[in-house]
N, C-alpha and C. Protein backbone atom coordinates (compact mmCIF):
# COMPACT_ATOMS: atom_id res chain seq x y z
N MET A 1 -1.46 -76.43 39.57
CA MET A 1 -2.56 -75.48 39.63
C MET A 1 -3.86 -76.24 39.81
N PRO A 2 -4.93 -75.63 40.35
CA PRO A 2 -6.18 -76.33 40.62
C PRO A 2 -6.87 -76.75 39.34
N LYS A 3 -7.58 -77.92 39.40
CA LYS A 3 -8.28 -78.42 38.22
C LYS A 3 -9.29 -77.41 37.70
N ASP A 4 -10.05 -76.78 38.64
CA ASP A 4 -11.12 -75.91 38.20
C ASP A 4 -10.63 -74.53 37.82
N GLN A 5 -9.32 -74.35 37.73
CA GLN A 5 -8.77 -73.05 37.33
C GLN A 5 -8.10 -73.12 35.97
N GLN A 6 -8.13 -74.29 35.29
CA GLN A 6 -7.35 -74.45 34.08
C GLN A 6 -7.79 -73.52 32.96
N THR A 7 -9.12 -73.34 32.80
CA THR A 7 -9.60 -72.56 31.67
C THR A 7 -9.98 -71.16 32.07
N GLU A 8 -9.76 -70.81 33.32
CA GLU A 8 -10.14 -69.49 33.80
C GLU A 8 -9.07 -68.47 33.46
N THR A 9 -9.48 -67.32 32.98
CA THR A 9 -8.52 -66.25 32.69
C THR A 9 -8.31 -65.46 33.96
N LEU A 10 -7.10 -65.46 34.47
CA LEU A 10 -6.80 -64.81 35.73
C LEU A 10 -6.06 -63.51 35.48
N PRO A 11 -6.16 -62.56 36.42
CA PRO A 11 -5.43 -61.30 36.26
C PRO A 11 -3.94 -61.58 36.21
N ARG A 12 -3.23 -60.80 35.39
CA ARG A 12 -1.78 -60.97 35.30
C ARG A 12 -1.14 -60.52 36.59
N ARG A 13 -0.16 -61.29 37.03
CA ARG A 13 0.56 -60.95 38.24
C ARG A 13 2.03 -60.95 37.93
N GLY A 14 2.72 -59.98 38.47
CA GLY A 14 4.15 -59.94 38.26
C GLY A 14 4.83 -61.07 39.00
N ILE A 15 5.96 -61.48 38.49
CA ILE A 15 6.70 -62.54 39.14
C ILE A 15 7.34 -61.99 40.40
N GLN A 16 7.07 -62.67 41.53
CA GLN A 16 7.61 -62.25 42.81
C GLN A 16 8.96 -62.92 43.02
N ARG A 17 9.94 -62.19 43.48
CA ARG A 17 11.25 -62.76 43.74
C ARG A 17 11.76 -62.32 45.10
N ARG A 18 12.11 -63.32 45.90
CA ARG A 18 12.81 -63.13 47.16
C ARG A 18 12.17 -62.09 48.07
N THR A 19 10.89 -62.28 48.34
CA THR A 19 10.21 -61.46 49.33
C THR A 19 10.50 -62.03 50.70
N VAL A 20 11.04 -61.25 51.60
CA VAL A 20 11.48 -61.76 52.89
C VAL A 20 10.37 -61.60 53.91
N ILE A 21 10.18 -62.62 54.75
CA ILE A 21 9.19 -62.53 55.81
C ILE A 21 9.58 -61.40 56.75
N LYS A 22 8.63 -60.53 57.01
CA LYS A 22 8.90 -59.42 57.90
C LYS A 22 8.73 -59.85 59.35
N GLY A 23 9.70 -59.52 60.17
CA GLY A 23 9.59 -59.76 61.60
C GLY A 23 9.78 -61.20 62.01
N ALA A 24 10.28 -62.07 61.11
CA ALA A 24 10.46 -63.48 61.47
C ALA A 24 11.86 -63.69 62.00
N ALA A 25 11.98 -63.95 63.30
CA ALA A 25 13.29 -64.18 63.90
C ALA A 25 13.54 -65.67 63.91
N TRP A 26 14.45 -66.13 63.06
CA TRP A 26 14.66 -67.56 62.89
C TRP A 26 15.80 -68.03 63.78
N SER A 27 15.49 -68.76 64.83
CA SER A 27 16.50 -69.40 65.65
C SER A 27 16.24 -70.89 65.63
N VAL A 28 17.19 -71.68 66.05
CA VAL A 28 17.03 -73.13 65.97
C VAL A 28 17.18 -73.73 67.36
N PRO A 29 16.07 -73.93 68.09
CA PRO A 29 16.15 -74.54 69.41
C PRO A 29 16.26 -76.05 69.31
N VAL A 30 16.54 -76.69 70.43
CA VAL A 30 16.53 -78.14 70.47
C VAL A 30 15.09 -78.59 70.66
N VAL A 31 14.61 -79.47 69.79
CA VAL A 31 13.26 -79.99 69.92
C VAL A 31 13.31 -81.22 70.80
N ALA A 32 12.67 -81.12 71.95
CA ALA A 32 12.74 -82.22 72.91
C ALA A 32 11.94 -83.42 72.45
N ALA A 33 10.81 -83.17 71.78
CA ALA A 33 10.01 -84.29 71.30
C ALA A 33 9.19 -83.82 70.12
N ALA A 34 9.25 -84.55 69.03
CA ALA A 34 8.46 -84.21 67.86
C ALA A 34 8.17 -85.48 67.10
N VAL A 35 6.92 -85.96 67.18
CA VAL A 35 6.54 -87.21 66.53
C VAL A 35 5.24 -86.97 65.78
N ALA A 36 5.19 -87.33 64.50
CA ALA A 36 3.98 -87.18 63.71
C ALA A 36 3.21 -88.48 63.69
N VAL A 37 1.89 -88.40 63.90
CA VAL A 37 1.04 -89.58 63.89
C VAL A 37 -0.08 -89.35 62.90
N PRO A 38 -0.16 -90.11 61.78
CA PRO A 38 -1.23 -89.89 60.82
C PRO A 38 -2.57 -90.31 61.37
N ASN A 39 -3.62 -89.62 60.88
CA ASN A 39 -4.99 -89.96 61.23
C ASN A 39 -5.24 -89.95 62.73
N ALA A 40 -4.70 -88.92 63.40
CA ALA A 40 -4.93 -88.77 64.83
C ALA A 40 -5.58 -87.43 65.07
N SER A 41 -6.18 -87.23 66.23
CA SER A 41 -6.80 -85.95 66.56
C SER A 41 -6.48 -85.59 67.99
N ALA A 42 -6.60 -84.30 68.31
CA ALA A 42 -6.30 -83.84 69.65
C ALA A 42 -7.31 -84.40 70.64
N SER A 43 -6.86 -84.70 71.85
CA SER A 43 -7.74 -85.25 72.86
C SER A 43 -8.78 -84.22 73.29
N PRO A 44 -10.07 -84.61 73.36
CA PRO A 44 -11.10 -83.65 73.78
C PRO A 44 -10.98 -83.29 75.25
N THR A 45 -10.18 -84.05 76.02
CA THR A 45 -10.05 -83.77 77.44
C THR A 45 -8.72 -83.08 77.76
N ALA A 46 -8.05 -82.54 76.73
CA ALA A 46 -6.78 -81.84 76.96
C ALA A 46 -6.99 -80.71 77.96
N PRO A 47 -6.05 -80.53 78.92
CA PRO A 47 -6.26 -79.58 80.00
C PRO A 47 -6.11 -78.12 79.60
N CYS A 48 -5.53 -77.83 78.46
CA CYS A 48 -5.38 -76.43 78.06
C CYS A 48 -5.24 -76.34 76.55
N SER A 49 -5.33 -75.14 76.04
CA SER A 49 -5.17 -74.94 74.61
C SER A 49 -4.37 -73.66 74.38
N VAL A 50 -3.79 -73.55 73.20
CA VAL A 50 -2.99 -72.39 72.82
C VAL A 50 -3.75 -71.62 71.75
N ALA A 51 -3.85 -70.30 71.92
CA ALA A 51 -4.55 -69.47 70.95
C ALA A 51 -3.74 -69.39 69.66
N VAL A 52 -4.37 -69.76 68.55
CA VAL A 52 -3.74 -69.69 67.23
C VAL A 52 -4.47 -68.62 66.42
N PRO A 53 -3.76 -67.63 65.88
CA PRO A 53 -4.43 -66.56 65.12
C PRO A 53 -5.12 -67.08 63.87
N ALA A 54 -6.12 -66.34 63.40
CA ALA A 54 -6.75 -66.63 62.11
C ALA A 54 -5.74 -66.42 61.00
N TRP A 55 -5.98 -67.03 59.84
CA TRP A 55 -5.04 -66.92 58.72
C TRP A 55 -4.70 -65.46 58.38
N THR A 56 -5.66 -64.57 58.54
CA THR A 56 -5.42 -63.17 58.17
C THR A 56 -4.35 -62.51 59.02
N ALA A 57 -4.06 -63.08 60.19
CA ALA A 57 -3.05 -62.51 61.08
C ALA A 57 -1.67 -63.14 60.90
N TRP A 58 -1.56 -64.13 60.02
CA TRP A 58 -0.27 -64.77 59.78
C TRP A 58 0.55 -63.91 58.81
N SER A 59 1.85 -63.78 59.08
CA SER A 59 2.73 -63.10 58.14
C SER A 59 3.04 -64.04 56.98
N ASP A 60 3.50 -63.48 55.87
CA ASP A 60 3.80 -64.34 54.72
C ASP A 60 4.96 -63.78 53.92
N GLY A 61 5.45 -64.58 53.00
CA GLY A 61 6.55 -64.18 52.14
C GLY A 61 6.83 -65.26 51.12
N ALA A 62 7.75 -65.00 50.21
CA ALA A 62 8.04 -65.96 49.15
C ALA A 62 9.45 -65.77 48.63
N THR A 63 10.01 -66.85 48.07
CA THR A 63 11.27 -66.77 47.34
C THR A 63 11.11 -67.54 46.04
N GLY A 64 11.91 -67.19 45.05
CA GLY A 64 11.79 -67.82 43.75
C GLY A 64 10.73 -67.13 42.91
N ALA A 65 10.22 -67.83 41.91
CA ALA A 65 9.26 -67.23 40.99
C ALA A 65 8.14 -68.22 40.69
N PHE A 66 6.94 -67.68 40.43
CA PHE A 66 5.82 -68.53 40.05
C PHE A 66 5.41 -68.23 38.62
N THR A 67 4.67 -69.16 38.03
CA THR A 67 4.19 -69.01 36.66
C THR A 67 2.89 -68.23 36.66
N GLU A 68 2.85 -67.14 35.91
CA GLU A 68 1.65 -66.30 35.87
C GLU A 68 0.42 -67.10 35.46
N GLY A 69 -0.71 -66.78 36.10
CA GLY A 69 -1.97 -67.39 35.74
C GLY A 69 -2.23 -68.75 36.36
N THR A 70 -1.39 -69.17 37.34
CA THR A 70 -1.55 -70.51 37.91
C THR A 70 -1.94 -70.50 39.38
N CYS A 71 -2.15 -69.33 39.97
CA CYS A 71 -2.28 -69.26 41.43
C CYS A 71 -3.70 -69.44 41.96
N GLY A 72 -4.68 -69.58 41.08
CA GLY A 72 -6.03 -69.90 41.55
C GLY A 72 -6.70 -68.77 42.30
N ARG A 73 -7.70 -69.13 43.08
CA ARG A 73 -8.53 -68.15 43.77
C ARG A 73 -7.87 -67.69 45.07
N PRO A 74 -8.38 -66.58 45.65
CA PRO A 74 -7.85 -66.10 46.94
C PRO A 74 -8.03 -67.15 48.03
N GLN A 75 -7.12 -67.14 48.98
CA GLN A 75 -7.13 -68.10 50.09
C GLN A 75 -7.57 -67.42 51.38
N PRO A 76 -8.10 -68.19 52.38
CA PRO A 76 -8.23 -69.65 52.40
C PRO A 76 -9.43 -70.15 51.60
N GLU A 77 -9.47 -71.48 51.41
CA GLU A 77 -10.60 -72.12 50.73
C GLU A 77 -11.81 -72.12 51.66
N ALA A 78 -12.96 -72.52 51.12
CA ALA A 78 -14.19 -72.56 51.90
C ALA A 78 -14.09 -73.51 53.10
N ASN A 79 -13.25 -74.54 52.99
CA ASN A 79 -13.10 -75.49 54.09
C ASN A 79 -12.10 -75.02 55.15
N GLY A 80 -11.58 -73.79 54.98
CA GLY A 80 -10.66 -73.23 55.96
C GLY A 80 -9.20 -73.53 55.71
N GLN A 81 -8.90 -74.37 54.71
CA GLN A 81 -7.51 -74.69 54.42
C GLN A 81 -6.87 -73.62 53.56
N TRP A 82 -5.57 -73.41 53.80
CA TRP A 82 -4.79 -72.48 52.98
C TRP A 82 -3.98 -73.31 51.99
N TRP A 83 -4.20 -73.05 50.69
CA TRP A 83 -3.51 -73.79 49.64
C TRP A 83 -2.46 -72.93 48.96
N GLN A 84 -1.41 -73.60 48.50
CA GLN A 84 -0.44 -72.97 47.62
C GLN A 84 -0.66 -73.58 46.24
N TRP A 85 -1.32 -72.82 45.36
CA TRP A 85 -1.68 -73.32 44.03
C TRP A 85 -0.66 -72.95 42.96
N CYS A 86 0.18 -71.95 43.21
CA CYS A 86 1.05 -71.43 42.15
C CYS A 86 2.04 -72.47 41.65
N ASP A 87 2.17 -72.58 40.34
CA ASP A 87 3.18 -73.45 39.74
C ASP A 87 4.54 -72.76 39.77
N ALA A 88 5.58 -73.56 39.96
CA ALA A 88 6.93 -73.04 39.84
C ALA A 88 7.22 -72.72 38.37
N THR A 89 8.33 -72.07 38.12
CA THR A 89 8.73 -71.78 36.75
C THR A 89 9.70 -72.86 36.26
N GLU A 90 10.18 -72.71 35.04
CA GLU A 90 11.16 -73.64 34.49
C GLU A 90 12.59 -73.28 34.90
N THR A 91 12.72 -72.20 35.70
CA THR A 91 14.07 -71.75 36.10
C THR A 91 14.34 -71.84 37.59
N SER A 92 13.29 -72.03 38.43
CA SER A 92 13.53 -72.09 39.87
C SER A 92 12.36 -72.73 40.60
N ASP A 93 12.65 -73.20 41.83
CA ASP A 93 11.58 -73.60 42.74
C ASP A 93 10.82 -72.34 43.15
N TYR A 94 9.60 -72.53 43.68
CA TYR A 94 8.84 -71.41 44.24
C TYR A 94 8.44 -71.78 45.66
N THR A 95 8.91 -71.00 46.64
CA THR A 95 8.67 -71.28 48.05
C THR A 95 7.87 -70.15 48.68
N THR A 96 6.82 -70.51 49.42
CA THR A 96 6.01 -69.52 50.14
C THR A 96 5.96 -69.89 51.62
N PHE A 97 5.75 -68.87 52.46
CA PHE A 97 5.74 -69.05 53.90
C PHE A 97 4.50 -68.40 54.50
N LYS A 98 3.99 -69.01 55.57
CA LYS A 98 3.00 -68.34 56.42
C LYS A 98 3.41 -68.64 57.86
N CYS A 99 3.52 -67.57 58.68
CA CYS A 99 4.02 -67.72 60.05
C CYS A 99 3.13 -66.97 61.04
N ALA A 100 3.05 -67.51 62.25
CA ALA A 100 2.30 -66.87 63.33
C ALA A 100 3.02 -67.10 64.65
N THR A 101 2.85 -66.16 65.57
CA THR A 101 3.44 -66.28 66.90
C THR A 101 2.41 -66.87 67.86
N VAL A 102 2.83 -67.88 68.62
CA VAL A 102 1.98 -68.47 69.65
C VAL A 102 2.78 -68.54 70.95
N SER A 103 2.09 -68.61 72.08
CA SER A 103 2.76 -68.63 73.38
C SER A 103 2.77 -70.03 73.97
N MET A 104 3.93 -70.42 74.51
CA MET A 104 4.07 -71.73 75.14
C MET A 104 4.80 -71.58 76.47
N VAL A 105 4.79 -72.67 77.26
CA VAL A 105 5.41 -72.67 78.59
C VAL A 105 6.52 -73.71 78.61
N ALA A 106 7.69 -73.33 79.11
CA ALA A 106 8.85 -74.23 79.15
C ALA A 106 8.51 -75.53 79.88
N GLY A 107 8.94 -76.65 79.29
CA GLY A 107 8.73 -77.95 79.90
C GLY A 107 7.39 -78.59 79.59
N GLN A 108 6.45 -77.81 79.04
CA GLN A 108 5.13 -78.35 78.70
C GLN A 108 5.18 -78.99 77.32
N THR A 109 4.60 -80.18 77.20
CA THR A 109 4.49 -80.85 75.91
C THR A 109 3.14 -80.52 75.29
N TYR A 110 3.17 -80.14 74.02
CA TYR A 110 1.96 -79.75 73.30
C TYR A 110 1.72 -80.70 72.13
N SER A 111 0.45 -80.92 71.82
CA SER A 111 0.09 -81.63 70.60
C SER A 111 -0.40 -80.60 69.59
N ILE A 112 0.10 -80.70 68.37
CA ILE A 112 -0.24 -79.78 67.29
C ILE A 112 -0.92 -80.61 66.20
N THR A 113 -2.20 -80.38 65.99
CA THR A 113 -3.00 -81.20 65.07
C THR A 113 -3.49 -80.36 63.90
N PHE A 114 -3.37 -80.90 62.69
CA PHE A 114 -3.80 -80.18 61.49
C PHE A 114 -4.15 -81.20 60.41
N THR A 115 -4.89 -80.75 59.40
CA THR A 115 -5.33 -81.63 58.31
C THR A 115 -4.82 -81.09 56.99
N THR A 116 -4.26 -81.98 56.17
CA THR A 116 -3.74 -81.59 54.86
C THR A 116 -4.55 -82.25 53.75
N GLN A 117 -4.47 -81.64 52.57
CA GLN A 117 -4.93 -82.23 51.32
C GLN A 117 -3.88 -81.91 50.26
N ALA A 118 -3.83 -82.72 49.21
CA ALA A 118 -2.89 -82.46 48.12
C ALA A 118 -3.56 -82.78 46.79
N ASN A 119 -3.00 -82.22 45.72
CA ASN A 119 -3.61 -82.31 44.40
C ASN A 119 -2.52 -82.46 43.35
N SER A 120 -2.67 -83.44 42.46
CA SER A 120 -1.71 -83.59 41.36
C SER A 120 -1.88 -82.45 40.36
N GLY A 121 -0.76 -81.88 39.93
CA GLY A 121 -0.82 -80.78 38.98
C GLY A 121 -1.44 -81.22 37.66
N ILE A 122 -2.18 -80.30 37.05
CA ILE A 122 -2.83 -80.53 35.76
C ILE A 122 -2.42 -79.41 34.82
N PRO A 123 -2.02 -79.70 33.58
CA PRO A 123 -1.87 -81.02 32.97
C PRO A 123 -0.55 -81.67 33.34
N THR A 124 -0.42 -82.94 33.01
CA THR A 124 0.83 -83.66 33.24
C THR A 124 1.78 -83.42 32.06
N PRO A 125 3.08 -83.65 32.23
CA PRO A 125 3.75 -84.13 33.44
C PRO A 125 3.88 -83.03 34.49
N ASN A 126 3.65 -83.40 35.75
CA ASN A 126 3.63 -82.43 36.85
C ASN A 126 4.80 -82.65 37.80
N SER A 127 5.37 -81.54 38.28
CA SER A 127 6.47 -81.61 39.24
C SER A 127 5.90 -81.70 40.66
N PRO A 128 6.67 -82.22 41.63
CA PRO A 128 6.18 -82.41 42.99
C PRO A 128 6.28 -81.15 43.84
N ALA A 129 5.76 -81.25 45.07
CA ALA A 129 5.79 -80.14 46.02
C ALA A 129 5.87 -80.70 47.43
N ASN A 130 6.21 -79.83 48.39
CA ASN A 130 6.18 -80.26 49.78
C ASN A 130 5.71 -79.14 50.69
N LEU A 131 5.36 -79.52 51.92
CA LEU A 131 4.92 -78.60 52.97
C LEU A 131 5.67 -78.99 54.24
N VAL A 132 6.28 -77.99 54.90
CA VAL A 132 7.06 -78.26 56.12
C VAL A 132 6.52 -77.39 57.25
N LEU A 133 6.31 -78.00 58.42
CA LEU A 133 5.90 -77.28 59.63
C LEU A 133 7.12 -77.10 60.52
N THR A 134 7.37 -75.86 60.96
CA THR A 134 8.51 -75.58 61.84
C THR A 134 8.08 -74.77 63.05
N ILE A 135 8.86 -74.87 64.13
CA ILE A 135 8.76 -73.95 65.26
C ILE A 135 10.13 -73.33 65.46
N ASP A 136 10.19 -72.01 65.42
CA ASP A 136 11.45 -71.27 65.53
C ASP A 136 12.51 -71.81 64.57
N GLY A 137 12.07 -72.19 63.37
CA GLY A 137 12.99 -72.64 62.33
C GLY A 137 13.36 -74.10 62.39
N SER A 138 12.93 -74.82 63.41
CA SER A 138 13.26 -76.23 63.54
C SER A 138 12.13 -77.09 62.98
N PRO A 139 12.41 -77.95 61.98
CA PRO A 139 11.35 -78.76 61.36
C PRO A 139 10.74 -79.76 62.35
N LEU A 140 9.41 -79.82 62.37
CA LEU A 140 8.69 -80.79 63.19
C LEU A 140 8.03 -81.86 62.34
N TRP A 141 7.60 -81.49 61.13
CA TRP A 141 6.83 -82.39 60.27
C TRP A 141 6.99 -81.93 58.83
N ALA A 142 6.92 -82.88 57.89
CA ALA A 142 6.93 -82.54 56.47
C ALA A 142 6.00 -83.48 55.71
N GLY A 143 5.31 -82.94 54.72
CA GLY A 143 4.50 -83.74 53.81
C GLY A 143 4.94 -83.43 52.39
N TYR A 144 4.95 -84.44 51.54
CA TYR A 144 5.45 -84.22 50.18
C TYR A 144 4.64 -85.04 49.17
N THR A 145 4.74 -84.64 47.91
CA THR A 145 4.11 -85.39 46.83
C THR A 145 5.18 -85.97 45.92
N VAL A 146 4.74 -86.91 45.09
CA VAL A 146 5.58 -87.49 44.04
C VAL A 146 4.91 -87.17 42.71
N GLY A 147 5.64 -86.53 41.81
CA GLY A 147 5.06 -86.12 40.54
C GLY A 147 4.86 -87.27 39.57
N SER A 148 4.30 -86.97 38.42
CA SER A 148 3.97 -88.01 37.44
C SER A 148 5.20 -88.67 36.84
N THR A 149 6.36 -88.01 36.91
CA THR A 149 7.59 -88.62 36.39
C THR A 149 8.27 -89.51 37.42
N GLY A 150 7.75 -89.51 38.65
CA GLY A 150 8.37 -90.26 39.74
C GLY A 150 9.29 -89.41 40.59
N ALA A 151 9.47 -88.14 40.24
CA ALA A 151 10.29 -87.24 41.04
C ALA A 151 9.60 -86.98 42.38
N SER A 152 10.38 -87.00 43.46
CA SER A 152 9.84 -86.82 44.81
C SER A 152 10.30 -85.50 45.40
N ALA A 153 9.41 -84.87 46.19
CA ALA A 153 9.76 -83.64 46.90
C ALA A 153 10.04 -83.92 48.37
N ASP A 154 10.38 -85.16 48.71
CA ASP A 154 10.66 -85.55 50.09
C ASP A 154 11.86 -84.76 50.61
N PRO A 155 11.68 -83.92 51.66
CA PRO A 155 12.81 -83.15 52.19
C PRO A 155 13.66 -83.95 53.16
N GLY A 156 13.23 -85.18 53.48
CA GLY A 156 13.97 -86.02 54.41
C GLY A 156 13.56 -85.77 55.85
N GLY A 157 14.09 -86.57 56.76
CA GLY A 157 13.75 -86.44 58.17
C GLY A 157 12.79 -87.53 58.62
N ALA A 158 12.81 -87.81 59.92
CA ALA A 158 12.00 -88.90 60.48
C ALA A 158 10.51 -88.64 60.35
N ASN A 159 10.10 -87.38 60.34
CA ASN A 159 8.68 -87.04 60.31
C ASN A 159 8.24 -86.55 58.93
N SER A 160 8.79 -87.14 57.88
CA SER A 160 8.42 -86.78 56.51
C SER A 160 7.48 -87.85 55.96
N HIS A 161 6.35 -87.41 55.39
CA HIS A 161 5.30 -88.34 54.99
C HIS A 161 4.80 -88.02 53.59
N ARG A 162 4.57 -89.06 52.79
CA ARG A 162 4.02 -88.85 51.46
C ARG A 162 2.54 -88.52 51.57
N LEU A 163 2.12 -87.46 50.89
CA LEU A 163 0.72 -87.06 50.86
C LEU A 163 -0.01 -87.77 49.73
N THR A 164 -1.31 -87.93 49.89
CA THR A 164 -2.11 -88.65 48.91
C THR A 164 -2.58 -87.72 47.80
N THR A 165 -2.30 -88.10 46.56
CA THR A 165 -2.79 -87.40 45.37
C THR A 165 -3.31 -88.45 44.40
N ALA A 166 -3.62 -88.03 43.17
CA ALA A 166 -4.10 -88.96 42.17
C ALA A 166 -3.04 -89.99 41.78
N THR A 167 -1.77 -89.71 42.06
CA THR A 167 -0.71 -90.65 41.70
C THR A 167 -0.65 -91.85 42.64
N ASN A 168 -1.19 -91.72 43.86
CA ASN A 168 -1.17 -92.84 44.81
C ASN A 168 -2.50 -92.99 45.54
N GLY A 169 -3.57 -92.45 44.96
CA GLY A 169 -4.89 -92.53 45.57
C GLY A 169 -5.82 -91.53 44.90
N SER A 170 -6.35 -90.59 45.69
CA SER A 170 -7.27 -89.59 45.16
C SER A 170 -6.83 -88.19 45.58
N ASN A 171 -7.02 -87.23 44.68
CA ASN A 171 -6.76 -85.84 45.02
C ASN A 171 -7.67 -85.39 46.16
N ARG A 172 -7.19 -84.40 46.92
CA ARG A 172 -7.96 -83.78 48.00
C ARG A 172 -8.42 -84.78 49.06
N THR A 173 -7.57 -85.74 49.37
CA THR A 173 -7.85 -86.68 50.44
C THR A 173 -7.44 -86.07 51.78
N ASP A 174 -8.35 -86.02 52.75
CA ASP A 174 -8.01 -85.51 54.08
C ASP A 174 -7.02 -86.44 54.76
N GLN A 175 -5.94 -85.86 55.27
CA GLN A 175 -4.99 -86.60 56.10
C GLN A 175 -4.72 -85.74 57.33
N THR A 176 -5.05 -86.28 58.50
CA THR A 176 -4.91 -85.53 59.75
C THR A 176 -3.69 -86.01 60.51
N TRP A 177 -2.91 -85.05 61.00
CA TRP A 177 -1.63 -85.33 61.63
C TRP A 177 -1.56 -84.69 63.01
N THR A 178 -0.86 -85.34 63.94
CA THR A 178 -0.58 -84.76 65.24
C THR A 178 0.92 -84.83 65.51
N VAL A 179 1.51 -83.70 65.84
CA VAL A 179 2.93 -83.60 66.17
C VAL A 179 3.04 -83.19 67.63
N PHE A 180 3.97 -83.81 68.37
CA PHE A 180 4.19 -83.46 69.78
C PHE A 180 5.46 -82.64 69.90
N TYR A 181 5.35 -81.54 70.67
CA TYR A 181 6.48 -80.63 70.83
C TYR A 181 6.58 -80.19 72.29
N THR A 182 7.78 -80.30 72.87
CA THR A 182 8.02 -79.84 74.23
C THR A 182 8.75 -78.51 74.18
N ALA A 183 8.14 -77.48 74.77
CA ALA A 183 8.72 -76.13 74.72
C ALA A 183 9.98 -76.05 75.57
N ASN A 184 10.97 -75.32 75.07
CA ASN A 184 12.23 -75.14 75.77
C ASN A 184 12.25 -73.89 76.65
N THR A 185 11.45 -72.90 76.27
CA THR A 185 11.39 -71.65 77.02
C THR A 185 9.94 -71.20 77.14
N THR A 186 9.70 -70.30 78.06
CA THR A 186 8.36 -69.73 78.22
C THR A 186 8.28 -68.43 77.42
N GLY A 187 7.22 -68.30 76.65
CA GLY A 187 7.03 -67.09 75.85
C GLY A 187 6.60 -67.42 74.44
N ASP A 188 6.82 -66.46 73.54
CA ASP A 188 6.37 -66.61 72.16
C ASP A 188 7.32 -67.48 71.34
N VAL A 189 6.74 -68.31 70.48
CA VAL A 189 7.51 -69.07 69.50
C VAL A 189 6.91 -68.79 68.13
N LEU A 190 7.73 -68.97 67.08
CA LEU A 190 7.28 -68.69 65.72
C LEU A 190 6.92 -70.00 65.03
N LEU A 191 5.64 -70.15 64.73
CA LEU A 191 5.11 -71.35 64.06
C LEU A 191 4.95 -71.03 62.58
N CYS A 192 5.53 -71.85 61.70
CA CYS A 192 5.49 -71.56 60.26
C CYS A 192 5.13 -72.78 59.44
N TYR A 193 4.35 -72.55 58.38
CA TYR A 193 4.16 -73.51 57.30
C TYR A 193 4.97 -72.99 56.11
N THR A 194 5.73 -73.87 55.47
CA THR A 194 6.50 -73.49 54.28
C THR A 194 6.19 -74.46 53.15
N TRP A 195 5.70 -73.92 52.04
CA TRP A 195 5.40 -74.70 50.85
C TRP A 195 6.51 -74.51 49.81
N THR A 196 6.92 -75.58 49.14
CA THR A 196 7.86 -75.46 48.03
C THR A 196 7.32 -76.23 46.83
N ALA A 197 7.11 -75.50 45.73
CA ALA A 197 6.75 -76.11 44.45
C ALA A 197 8.04 -76.30 43.66
N TYR A 198 8.32 -77.53 43.24
CA TYR A 198 9.59 -77.82 42.59
C TYR A 198 9.64 -77.28 41.16
N GLN A 199 10.82 -76.83 40.80
CA GLN A 199 11.08 -76.31 39.46
C GLN A 199 10.56 -77.27 38.39
N ARG A 200 9.94 -76.71 37.36
CA ARG A 200 9.42 -77.53 36.27
C ARG A 200 10.55 -77.85 35.28
N THR A 201 10.94 -79.10 35.26
CA THR A 201 11.99 -79.58 34.35
C THR A 201 11.53 -80.88 33.72
N ALA A 202 12.30 -81.37 32.76
CA ALA A 202 11.96 -82.65 32.13
C ALA A 202 11.99 -83.77 33.16
N ALA A 203 12.94 -83.71 34.09
CA ALA A 203 13.06 -84.76 35.11
C ALA A 203 11.96 -84.66 36.16
N ASN A 204 11.63 -83.43 36.58
CA ASN A 204 10.62 -83.23 37.62
C ASN A 204 9.20 -83.32 37.09
N GLY A 205 9.01 -82.96 35.83
CA GLY A 205 7.69 -82.73 35.25
C GLY A 205 7.65 -81.28 34.84
N ASP A 206 7.48 -81.00 33.55
CA ASP A 206 7.72 -79.64 33.07
C ASP A 206 6.47 -78.85 32.69
N THR A 207 5.27 -79.37 33.01
CA THR A 207 4.06 -78.68 32.57
C THR A 207 3.30 -78.00 33.70
N SER A 208 3.24 -78.61 34.87
CA SER A 208 2.52 -78.04 36.01
C SER A 208 3.21 -78.48 37.30
N THR A 209 2.66 -78.03 38.44
CA THR A 209 3.23 -78.38 39.75
C THR A 209 2.12 -78.85 40.68
N ASP A 210 2.42 -79.82 41.54
CA ASP A 210 1.44 -80.29 42.52
C ASP A 210 1.09 -79.19 43.51
N ASP A 211 -0.08 -79.34 44.16
CA ASP A 211 -0.61 -78.33 45.07
C ASP A 211 -0.88 -78.96 46.43
N ILE A 212 -0.68 -78.19 47.52
CA ILE A 212 -0.90 -78.70 48.88
C ILE A 212 -1.64 -77.65 49.70
N GLY A 213 -2.61 -78.11 50.49
CA GLY A 213 -3.34 -77.24 51.40
C GLY A 213 -3.27 -77.76 52.82
N THR A 214 -3.42 -76.86 53.80
CA THR A 214 -3.43 -77.28 55.20
C THR A 214 -4.40 -76.43 56.01
N SER A 215 -4.93 -77.03 57.05
CA SER A 215 -5.79 -76.30 57.97
C SER A 215 -4.93 -75.52 58.97
N LEU A 216 -5.57 -74.61 59.70
CA LEU A 216 -4.90 -74.02 60.85
C LEU A 216 -4.61 -75.12 61.87
N PRO A 217 -3.51 -75.02 62.59
CA PRO A 217 -3.23 -76.03 63.62
C PRO A 217 -4.08 -75.81 64.86
N VAL A 218 -4.41 -76.90 65.53
CA VAL A 218 -5.04 -76.84 66.85
C VAL A 218 -3.98 -77.30 67.85
N ILE A 219 -3.66 -76.45 68.83
CA ILE A 219 -2.58 -76.75 69.76
C ILE A 219 -3.15 -76.88 71.17
N THR A 220 -2.89 -78.03 71.80
CA THR A 220 -3.37 -78.27 73.16
C THR A 220 -2.25 -78.85 74.00
N CYS A 221 -2.38 -78.76 75.33
CA CYS A 221 -1.42 -79.40 76.22
C CYS A 221 -1.60 -80.90 76.14
N ASN A 222 -0.50 -81.61 76.11
CA ASN A 222 -0.57 -83.06 75.99
C ASN A 222 -0.69 -83.71 77.37
C-alpha cells in the first residue's frame, strides 16, 4: 500500500472475487519479435504512431481478493501512471487487469514504450508483486519486485526485469522500457497490463504488498 495512505481512513470496500474482463478475447498468436530495452525511448522520427486510448477507455477486471483499506487513492496518479496499490490477502494472490484495443498492420514492427515505478510495501515484511504486458494474451514484457523476505515475483521469461524499490535502490524510480512487436495480422489487437500482488504469507512477507505503476504505452512504427 502507498506510504502516504498508511494512516488514512478509507471507505470500506467489499472483497472482490473473480471479476472477469468483459469483452476480452484471449488468443495466443506467435510473437515474431519482442525485446525489452531498459532506459530507452521511442524514436522522434518514427514514421507512424498507433492511437492508444486514455485510461478511462481501458476495460478492467480482477481475480482473487484484496485487503480492505489498502487500495489508496483513485487512479491514475497525477503523473499519468496507473498504480495497483491494493494489498493481497493472507489467503490468495490479488490480480488486476487493464486492457485496450489498438490497431496494427500485419508485417509491421512496432515499438511500445512505457515508464514504470515501484514501491516497497509498508509496513514490512512485505510480499512482492509483478506487472506483465501482453498482446492478445502473449507476454511481451514483465517487471517484478523482490519483497523484504527475499521472495521474488519473477514470472520468468527472457523479457522479465527486476523493478527498483527501496530493497534495491529507491522507491518510485522511473524505469523506461521499449518492447518491439511484429504484428501477425491486420486489425485490432488486445493490449493488456496485468498486475499480481502476491499472497501475504510468512515466506512472502505477511504484513503488506509491493506496489507497481505504469504509464500509458506509446506505440510507433519501428
